[in-house]
PDB file of N, CA and C in Angstrom:
ATOM      1  N   MET A   1    -138.466-140.694 -44.536  1.00  0.00           N
ATOM      2  CA  MET A   1    -138.195-141.997 -45.108  1.00  0.00           C
ATOM      3  C   MET A   1    -138.875-142.066 -46.472  1.00  0.00           C
ATOM      4  N   ASP A   2    -138.240-142.715 -47.392  1.00  0.00           N
ATOM      5  CA  ASP A   2    -138.775-142.940 -48.733  1.00  0.00           C
ATOM      6  C   ASP A   2    -139.968-143.889 -48.638  1.00  0.00           C
ATOM      7  N   GLU A   3    -141.129-143.481 -49.144  1.00  0.00           N
ATOM      8  CA  GLU A   3    -142.325-144.316 -49.063  1.00  0.00           C
ATOM      9  C   GLU A   3    -142.158-145.638 -49.792  1.00  0.00           C
ATOM     10  N   GLY A   4    -141.207-145.714 -50.706  1.00  0.00           N
ATOM     11  CA  GLY A   4    -140.961-146.952 -51.436  1.00  0.00           C
ATOM     12  C   GLY A   4    -140.446-148.078 -50.558  1.00  0.00           C
ATOM     13  N   PHE A   5    -139.971-147.746 -49.367  1.00  0.00           N
ATOM     14  CA  PHE A   5    -139.451-148.775 -48.461  1.00  0.00           C
ATOM     15  C   PHE A   5    -140.553-149.495 -47.692  1.00  0.00           C
ATOM     16  N   GLY A   6    -141.764-148.951 -47.709  1.00  0.00           N
ATOM     17  CA  GLY A   6    -142.873-149.526 -46.947  1.00  0.00           C
ATOM     18  C   GLY A   6    -143.094-151.006 -47.202  1.00  0.00           C
ATOM     19  N   PRO A   7    -143.265-151.429 -48.449  1.00  0.00           N
ATOM     20  CA  PRO A   7    -143.474-152.858 -48.717  1.00  0.00           C
ATOM     21  C   PRO A   7    -142.297-153.725 -48.267  1.00  0.00           C
ATOM     22  N   ASP A   8    -141.076-153.204 -48.434  1.00  0.00           N
ATOM     23  CA  ASP A   8    -139.901-153.971 -48.002  1.00  0.00           C
ATOM     24  C   ASP A   8    -139.876-154.133 -46.483  1.00  0.00           C
ATOM     25  N   LEU A   9    -140.226-153.078 -45.767  1.00  0.00           N
ATOM     26  CA  LEU A   9    -140.253-153.151 -44.305  1.00  0.00           C
ATOM     27  C   LEU A   9    -141.346-154.101 -43.831  1.00  0.00           C
ATOM     28  N   LYS A  10    -142.500-154.053 -44.486  1.00  0.00           N
ATOM     29  CA  LYS A  10    -143.593-154.966 -44.127  1.00  0.00           C
ATOM     30  C   LYS A  10    -143.176-156.411 -44.348  1.00  0.00           C
ATOM     31  N   ARG A  11    -142.534-156.697 -45.488  1.00  0.00           N
ATOM     32  CA  ARG A  11    -142.074-158.059 -45.783  1.00  0.00           C
ATOM     33  C   ARG A  11    -141.041-158.499 -44.745  1.00  0.00           C
ATOM     34  N   LEU A  12    -140.105-157.620 -44.410  1.00  0.00           N
ATOM     35  CA  LEU A  12    -139.090-157.953 -43.413  1.00  0.00           C
ATOM     36  C   LEU A  12    -139.737-158.240 -42.067  1.00  0.00           C
ATOM     37  N   ASP A  13    -140.730-157.444 -41.684  1.00  0.00           N
ATOM     38  CA  ASP A  13    -141.445-157.677 -40.425  1.00  0.00           C
ATOM     39  C   ASP A  13    -142.134-159.037 -40.452  1.00  0.00           C
ATOM     40  N   ASP A  14    -142.789-159.358 -41.550  1.00  0.00           N
ATOM     41  CA  ASP A  14    -143.465-160.655 -41.676  1.00  0.00           C
ATOM     42  C   ASP A  14    -142.473-161.812 -41.600  1.00  0.00           C
ATOM     43  N   GLU A  15    -141.313-161.650 -42.226  1.00  0.00           N
ATOM     44  CA  GLU A  15    -140.310-162.718 -42.270  1.00  0.00           C
ATOM     45  C   GLU A  15    -139.639-162.946 -40.926  1.00  0.00           C
ATOM     46  N   THR A  16    -139.570-161.919 -40.099  1.00  0.00           N
ATOM     47  CA  THR A  16    -138.855-162.030 -38.828  1.00  0.00           C
ATOM     48  C   THR A  16    -139.787-162.059 -37.625  1.00  0.00           C
ATOM     49  N   SER A  17    -141.075-162.126 -37.863  1.00  0.00           N
ATOM     50  CA  SER A  17    -142.046-162.126 -36.772  1.00  0.00           C
ATOM     51  C   SER A  17    -141.869-163.363 -35.890  1.00  0.00           C
ATOM     52  N   PRO A  18    -141.908-163.176 -34.567  1.00  0.00           N
ATOM     53  CA  PRO A  18    -141.840-164.332 -33.675  1.00  0.00           C
ATOM     54  C   PRO A  18    -143.167-165.079 -33.589  1.00  0.00           C
ATOM     55  N   VAL A  19    -144.203-164.530 -34.196  1.00  0.00           N
ATOM     56  CA  VAL A  19    -145.523-165.151 -34.140  1.00  0.00           C
ATOM     57  C   VAL A  19    -145.602-166.259 -35.190  1.00  0.00           C
ATOM     58  N   PRO A  20    -145.883-167.471 -34.760  1.00  0.00           N
ATOM     59  CA  PRO A  20    -146.014-168.577 -35.718  1.00  0.00           C
ATOM     60  C   PRO A  20    -147.103-168.275 -36.738  1.00  0.00           C
ATOM     61  N   GLN A  21    -146.802-168.532 -38.009  1.00  0.00           N
ATOM     62  CA  GLN A  21    -147.726-168.174 -39.076  1.00  0.00           C
ATOM     63  C   GLN A  21    -148.651-169.321 -39.481  1.00  0.00           C
ATOM     64  N   THR A  22    -148.200-170.547 -39.355  1.00  0.00           N
ATOM     65  CA  THR A  22    -149.018-171.673 -39.807  1.00  0.00           C
ATOM     66  C   THR A  22    -149.567-172.440 -38.607  1.00  0.00           C
ATOM     67  N   GLN A  23    -150.596-173.241 -38.872  1.00  0.00           N
ATOM     68  CA  GLN A  23    -151.176-174.075 -37.820  1.00  0.00           C
ATOM     69  C   GLN A  23    -150.128-175.026 -37.250  1.00  0.00           C
ATOM     70  N   GLU A  24    -149.294-175.581 -38.123  1.00  0.00           N
ATOM     71  CA  GLU A  24    -148.238-176.499 -37.668  1.00  0.00           C
ATOM     72  C   GLU A  24    -147.237-175.784 -36.765  1.00  0.00           C
ATOM     73  N   GLU A  25    -146.838-174.571 -37.138  1.00  0.00           N
ATOM     74  CA  GLU A  25    -145.920-173.801 -36.290  1.00  0.00           C
ATOM     75  C   GLU A  25    -146.560-173.503 -34.940  1.00  0.00           C
ATOM     76  N   ARG A  26    -147.827-173.178 -34.947  1.00  0.00           N
ATOM     77  CA  ARG A  26    -148.523-172.877 -33.685  1.00  0.00           C
ATOM     78  C   ARG A  26    -148.615-174.124 -32.805  1.00  0.00           C
ATOM     79  N   ARG A  27    -148.883-175.274 -33.428  1.00  0.00           N
ATOM     80  CA  ARG A  27    -148.973-176.519 -32.672  1.00  0.00           C
ATOM     81  C   ARG A  27    -147.642-176.835 -32.003  1.00  0.00           C
ATOM     82  N   ARG A  28    -146.534-176.428 -32.609  1.00  0.00           N
ATOM     83  CA  ARG A  28    -145.204-176.762 -32.107  1.00  0.00           C
ATOM     84  C   ARG A  28    -144.607-175.662 -31.229  1.00  0.00           C
ATOM     85  N   THR A  29    -145.393-174.649 -30.879  1.00  0.00           N
ATOM     86  CA  THR A  29    -144.876-173.514 -30.105  1.00  0.00           C
ATOM     87  C   THR A  29    -145.452-173.515 -28.696  1.00  0.00           C
ATOM     88  N   TRP A  30    -144.572-173.397 -27.717  1.00  0.00           N
ATOM     89  CA  TRP A  30    -144.930-173.332 -26.303  1.00  0.00           C
ATOM     90  C   TRP A  30    -144.616-171.918 -25.823  1.00  0.00           C
ATOM     91  N   VAL A  31    -145.601-171.225 -25.283  1.00  0.00           N
ATOM     92  CA  VAL A  31    -145.457-169.822 -24.891  1.00  0.00           C
ATOM     93  C   VAL A  31    -145.636-169.700 -23.381  1.00  0.00           C
ATOM     94  N   LEU A  32    -144.675-169.069 -22.730  1.00  0.00           N
ATOM     95  CA  LEU A  32    -144.770-168.801 -21.298  1.00  0.00           C
ATOM     96  C   LEU A  32    -144.868-167.293 -21.113  1.00  0.00           C
ATOM     97  N   LEU A  33    -145.970-166.857 -20.534  1.00  0.00           N
ATOM     98  CA  LEU A  33    -146.213-165.439 -20.295  1.00  0.00           C
ATOM     99  C   LEU A  33    -146.321-165.185 -18.801  1.00  0.00           C
ATOM    100  N   SER A  34    -146.083-163.948 -18.413  1.00  0.00           N
ATOM    101  CA  SER A  34    -146.210-163.538 -17.018  1.00  0.00           C
ATOM    102  C   SER A  34    -147.307-162.498 -16.912  1.00  0.00           C
ATOM    103  N   ASP A  35    -148.206-162.674 -15.956  1.00  0.00           N
ATOM    104  CA  ASP A  35    -149.346-161.759 -15.877  1.00  0.00           C
ATOM    105  C   ASP A  35    -149.026-160.413 -15.232  1.00  0.00           C
ATOM    106  N   GLU A  36    -147.804-160.239 -14.750  1.00  0.00           N
ATOM    107  CA  GLU A  36    -147.393-158.939 -14.229  1.00  0.00           C
ATOM    108  C   GLU A  36    -146.162-158.422 -14.970  1.00  0.00           C
ATOM    109  N   ASP A  37    -146.042-158.829 -16.234  1.00  0.00           N
ATOM    110  CA  ASP A  37    -144.934-158.390 -17.088  1.00  0.00           C
ATOM    111  C   ASP A  37    -144.999-156.878 -17.228  1.00  0.00           C
ATOM    112  N   GLU A  38    -143.907-156.208 -16.904  1.00  0.00           N
ATOM    113  CA  GLU A  38    -143.865-154.756 -16.962  1.00  0.00           C
ATOM    114  C   GLU A  38    -143.416-154.233 -18.324  1.00  0.00           C
ATOM    115  N   VAL A  39    -143.077-155.136 -19.252  1.00  0.00           N
ATOM    116  CA  VAL A  39    -142.608-154.747 -20.580  1.00  0.00           C
ATOM    117  C   VAL A  39    -143.636-155.081 -21.653  1.00  0.00           C
ATOM    118  N   LEU A  40    -144.173-156.291 -21.605  1.00  0.00           N
ATOM    119  CA  LEU A  40    -145.114-156.763 -22.620  1.00  0.00           C
ATOM    120  C   LEU A  40    -146.509-156.933 -22.034  1.00  0.00           C
ATOM    121  N   ASP A  41    -147.509-156.616 -22.834  1.00  0.00           N
ATOM    122  CA  ASP A  41    -148.896-156.847 -22.425  1.00  0.00           C
ATOM    123  C   ASP A  41    -149.209-158.317 -22.705  1.00  0.00           C
ATOM    124  N   TRP A  42    -149.313-159.114 -21.647  1.00  0.00           N
ATOM    125  CA  TRP A  42    -149.488-160.549 -21.841  1.00  0.00           C
ATOM    126  C   TRP A  42    -150.808-160.874 -22.527  1.00  0.00           C
ATOM    127  N   HIS A  43    -151.812-160.010 -22.397  1.00  0.00           N
ATOM    128  CA  HIS A  43    -153.082-160.235 -23.083  1.00  0.00           C
ATOM    129  C   HIS A  43    -152.895-160.177 -24.605  1.00  0.00           C
ATOM    130  N   LYS A  44    -152.127-159.183 -25.059  1.00  0.00           N
ATOM    131  CA  LYS A  44    -151.867-159.052 -26.498  1.00  0.00           C
ATOM    132  C   LYS A  44    -151.032-160.231 -26.998  1.00  0.00           C
ATOM    133  N   ALA A  45    -150.052-160.639 -26.212  1.00  0.00           N
ATOM    134  CA  ALA A  45    -149.226-161.790 -26.608  1.00  0.00           C
ATOM    135  C   ALA A  45    -150.077-163.047 -26.679  1.00  0.00           C
ATOM    136  N   ARG A  46    -150.935-163.244 -25.687  1.00  0.00           N
ATOM    137  CA  ARG A  46    -151.827-164.402 -25.688  1.00  0.00           C
ATOM    138  C   ARG A  46    -152.710-164.412 -26.928  1.00  0.00           C
ATOM    139  N   ASP A  47    -153.260-163.256 -27.262  1.00  0.00           N
ATOM    140  CA  ASP A  47    -154.135-163.164 -28.427  1.00  0.00           C
ATOM    141  C   ASP A  47    -153.369-163.428 -29.719  1.00  0.00           C
ATOM    142  N   ALA A  48    -152.152-162.907 -29.810  1.00  0.00           N
ATOM    143  CA  ALA A  48    -151.337-163.101 -31.015  1.00  0.00           C
ATOM    144  C   ALA A  48    -150.896-164.551 -31.182  1.00  0.00           C
ATOM    145  N   MET A  49    -150.783-165.262 -30.073  1.00  0.00           N
ATOM    146  CA  MET A  49    -150.258-166.626 -30.106  1.00  0.00           C
ATOM    147  C   MET A  49    -151.357-167.686 -29.998  1.00  0.00           C
ATOM    148  N   ARG A  50    -152.591-167.325 -30.263  1.00  0.00           N
ATOM    149  CA  ARG A  50    -153.693-168.303 -30.213  1.00  0.00           C
ATOM    150  C   ARG A  50    -153.347-169.522 -31.060  1.00  0.00           C
ATOM    151  N   GLY A  51    -153.679-170.677 -30.531  1.00  0.00           N
ATOM    152  CA  GLY A  51    -153.365-171.925 -31.217  1.00  0.00           C
ATOM    153  C   GLY A  51    -152.080-172.560 -30.726  1.00  0.00           C
ATOM    154  N   CYS A  52    -151.294-171.796 -29.980  1.00  0.00           N
ATOM    155  CA  CYS A  52    -150.059-172.311 -29.388  1.00  0.00           C
ATOM    156  C   CYS A  52    -150.378-172.844 -27.989  1.00  0.00           C
ATOM    157  N   ARG A  53    -149.459-173.586 -27.435  1.00  0.00           N
ATOM    158  CA  ARG A  53    -149.568-174.009 -26.033  1.00  0.00           C
ATOM    159  C   ARG A  53    -149.177-172.794 -25.210  1.00  0.00           C
ATOM    160  N   ILE A  54    -150.117-172.220 -24.463  1.00  0.00           N
ATOM    161  CA  ILE A  54    -149.868-170.998 -23.697  1.00  0.00           C
ATOM    162  C   ILE A  54    -150.010-171.292 -22.212  1.00  0.00           C
ATOM    163  N   VAL A  55    -148.998-170.873 -21.449  1.00  0.00           N
ATOM    164  CA  VAL A  55    -149.006-171.001 -20.000  1.00  0.00           C
ATOM    165  C   VAL A  55    -148.737-169.609 -19.432  1.00  0.00           C
ATOM    166  N   VAL A  56    -149.512-169.222 -18.436  1.00  0.00           N
ATOM    167  CA  VAL A  56    -149.328-167.921 -17.797  1.00  0.00           C
ATOM    168  C   VAL A  56    -148.803-168.147 -16.385  1.00  0.00           C
ATOM    169  N   SER A  57    -147.681-167.489 -16.085  1.00  0.00           N
ATOM    170  CA  SER A  57    -147.085-167.558 -14.754  1.00  0.00           C
ATOM    171  C   SER A  57    -147.707-166.456 -13.900  1.00  0.00           C
ATOM    172  N   PRO A  58    -148.553-166.816 -12.942  1.00  0.00           N
ATOM    173  CA  PRO A  58    -149.246-165.802 -12.137  1.00  0.00           C
ATOM    174  C   PRO A  58    -148.307-165.071 -11.191  1.00  0.00           C
ATOM    175  N   GLY A  59    -148.479-163.756 -11.144  1.00  0.00           N
ATOM    176  CA  GLY A  59    -147.698-162.936 -10.222  1.00  0.00           C
ATOM    177  C   GLY A  59    -146.240-162.786 -10.609  1.00  0.00           C
ATOM    178  N   ASP A  60    -145.897-163.190 -11.822  1.00  0.00           N
ATOM    179  CA  ASP A  60    -144.503-163.147 -12.264  1.00  0.00           C
ATOM    180  C   ASP A  60    -144.260-161.917 -13.131  1.00  0.00           C
ATOM    181  N   ASP A  61    -142.988-161.600 -13.358  1.00  0.00           N
ATOM    182  CA  ASP A  61    -142.635-160.413 -14.122  1.00  0.00           C
ATOM    183  C   ASP A  61    -141.972-160.790 -15.449  1.00  0.00           C
ATOM    184  N   HIS A  62    -141.418-159.792 -16.138  1.00  0.00           N
ATOM    185  CA  HIS A  62    -140.832-160.005 -17.453  1.00  0.00           C
ATOM    186  C   HIS A  62    -139.669-161.007 -17.423  1.00  0.00           C
ATOM    187  N   ARG A  63    -138.984-161.087 -16.326  1.00  0.00           N
ATOM    188  CA  ARG A  63    -137.844-162.019 -16.208  1.00  0.00           C
ATOM    189  C   ARG A  63    -138.282-163.470 -16.041  1.00  0.00           C
ATOM    190  N   ILE A  64    -139.530-163.680 -15.790  1.00  0.00           N
ATOM    191  CA  ILE A  64    -140.094-165.004 -15.521  1.00  0.00           C
ATOM    192  C   ILE A  64    -139.212-165.708 -14.477  1.00  0.00           C
ATOM    193  N   ARG A  65    -139.206-165.132 -13.322  1.00  0.00           N
ATOM    194  CA  ARG A  65    -138.372-165.641 -12.222  1.00  0.00           C
ATOM    195  C   ARG A  65    -138.742-167.068 -11.824  1.00  0.00           C
ATOM    196  N   ALA A  66    -139.972-167.474 -12.107  1.00  0.00           N
ATOM    197  CA  ALA A  66    -140.416-168.824 -11.752  1.00  0.00           C
ATOM    198  C   ALA A  66    -140.167-169.817 -12.891  1.00  0.00           C
ATOM    199  N   PHE A  67    -139.296-169.463 -13.838  1.00  0.00           N
ATOM    200  CA  PHE A  67    -139.074-170.320 -15.004  1.00  0.00           C
ATOM    201  C   PHE A  67    -138.748-171.759 -14.610  1.00  0.00           C
ATOM    202  N   ASP A  68    -137.911-171.943 -13.621  1.00  0.00           N
ATOM    203  CA  ASP A  68    -137.535-173.300 -13.194  1.00  0.00           C
ATOM    204  C   ASP A  68    -138.751-174.158 -12.854  1.00  0.00           C
ATOM    205  N   ASP A  69    -139.794-173.515 -12.347  1.00  0.00           N
ATOM    206  CA  ASP A  69    -141.019-174.258 -12.004  1.00  0.00           C
ATOM    207  C   ASP A  69    -141.698-174.849 -13.240  1.00  0.00           C
ATOM    208  N   PHE A  70    -141.448-174.260 -14.398  1.00  0.00           N
ATOM    209  CA  PHE A  70    -142.104-174.692 -15.635  1.00  0.00           C
ATOM    210  C   PHE A  70    -141.269-175.672 -16.457  1.00  0.00           C
ATOM    211  N   VAL A  71    -140.020-175.880 -16.079  1.00  0.00           N
ATOM    212  CA  VAL A  71    -139.144-176.763 -16.857  1.00  0.00           C
ATOM    213  C   VAL A  71    -139.715-178.180 -16.985  1.00  0.00           C
ATOM    214  N   PRO A  72    -140.210-178.803 -15.923  1.00  0.00           N
ATOM    215  CA  PRO A  72    -140.772-180.151 -16.092  1.00  0.00           C
ATOM    216  C   PRO A  72    -141.944-180.188 -17.082  1.00  0.00           C
ATOM    217  N   THR A  73    -142.825-179.184 -17.018  1.00  0.00           N
ATOM    218  CA  THR A  73    -143.957-179.123 -17.939  1.00  0.00           C
ATOM    219  C   THR A  73    -143.479-178.925 -19.368  1.00  0.00           C
ATOM    220  N   LEU A  74    -142.527-178.031 -19.561  1.00  0.00           N
ATOM    221  CA  LEU A  74    -141.970-177.780 -20.886  1.00  0.00           C
ATOM    222  C   LEU A  74    -141.273-179.022 -21.429  1.00  0.00           C
ATOM    223  N   ALA A  75    -140.487-179.675 -20.602  1.00  0.00           N
ATOM    224  CA  ALA A  75    -139.762-180.877 -21.039  1.00  0.00           C
ATOM    225  C   ALA A  75    -140.740-181.995 -21.410  1.00  0.00           C
ATOM    226  N   ALA A  76    -141.783-182.170 -20.617  1.00  0.00           N
ATOM    227  CA  ALA A  76    -142.768-183.204 -20.932  1.00  0.00           C
ATOM    228  C   ALA A  76    -143.485-182.891 -22.233  1.00  0.00           C
ATOM    229  N   TRP A  77    -143.833-181.629 -22.436  1.00  0.00           N
ATOM    230  CA  TRP A  77    -144.497-181.203 -23.671  1.00  0.00           C
ATOM    231  C   TRP A  77    -143.567-181.446 -24.869  1.00  0.00           C
ATOM    232  N   ALA A  78    -142.306-181.061 -24.745  1.00  0.00           N
ATOM    233  CA  ALA A  78    -141.360-181.237 -25.850  1.00  0.00           C
ATOM    234  C   ALA A  78    -141.123-182.725 -26.138  1.00  0.00           C
ATOM    235  N   ALA A  79    -141.049-183.542 -25.104  1.00  0.00           N
ATOM    236  CA  ALA A  79    -140.812-184.979 -25.288  1.00  0.00           C
ATOM    237  C   ALA A  79    -142.002-185.668 -25.950  1.00  0.00           C
ATOM    238  N   ASP A  80    -143.182-185.111 -25.751  1.00  0.00           N
ATOM    239  CA  ASP A  80    -144.397-185.698 -26.311  1.00  0.00           C
ATOM    240  C   ASP A  80    -144.628-185.281 -27.757  1.00  0.00           C
ATOM    241  N   ASP A  81    -143.888-184.259 -28.229  1.00  0.00           N
ATOM    242  CA  ASP A  81    -144.058-183.751 -29.584  1.00  0.00           C
ATOM    243  C   ASP A  81    -143.463-184.750 -30.583  1.00  0.00           C
ATOM    244  N   PRO A  82    -144.264-185.301 -31.480  1.00  0.00           N
ATOM    245  CA  PRO A  82    -143.780-186.325 -32.394  1.00  0.00           C
ATOM    246  C   PRO A  82    -142.859-185.804 -33.481  1.00  0.00           C
ATOM    247  N   SER A  83    -142.741-184.492 -33.661  1.00  0.00           N
ATOM    248  CA  SER A  83    -141.898-183.970 -34.748  1.00  0.00           C
ATOM    249  C   SER A  83    -140.478-183.736 -34.341  1.00  0.00           C
TER     250      SER A  83
END
């Protein structure tokens, strides 16, 4: 690969990152993680998303099979958001 592409790739990564960059974005982000996720390390995701509303689904996997259990909490959180 041409080394000249490095800065462009870094900028593209920054622009498309799912990690909220500002305090306001973090305040408005709700993160649901599973502590038995076989694809993502939930500890790393938790650390990357500090400042966000983070909920960990215990004993759950990458599919978050218990998602329905979190809908009332998510809906209440979203309804309470003034923005």
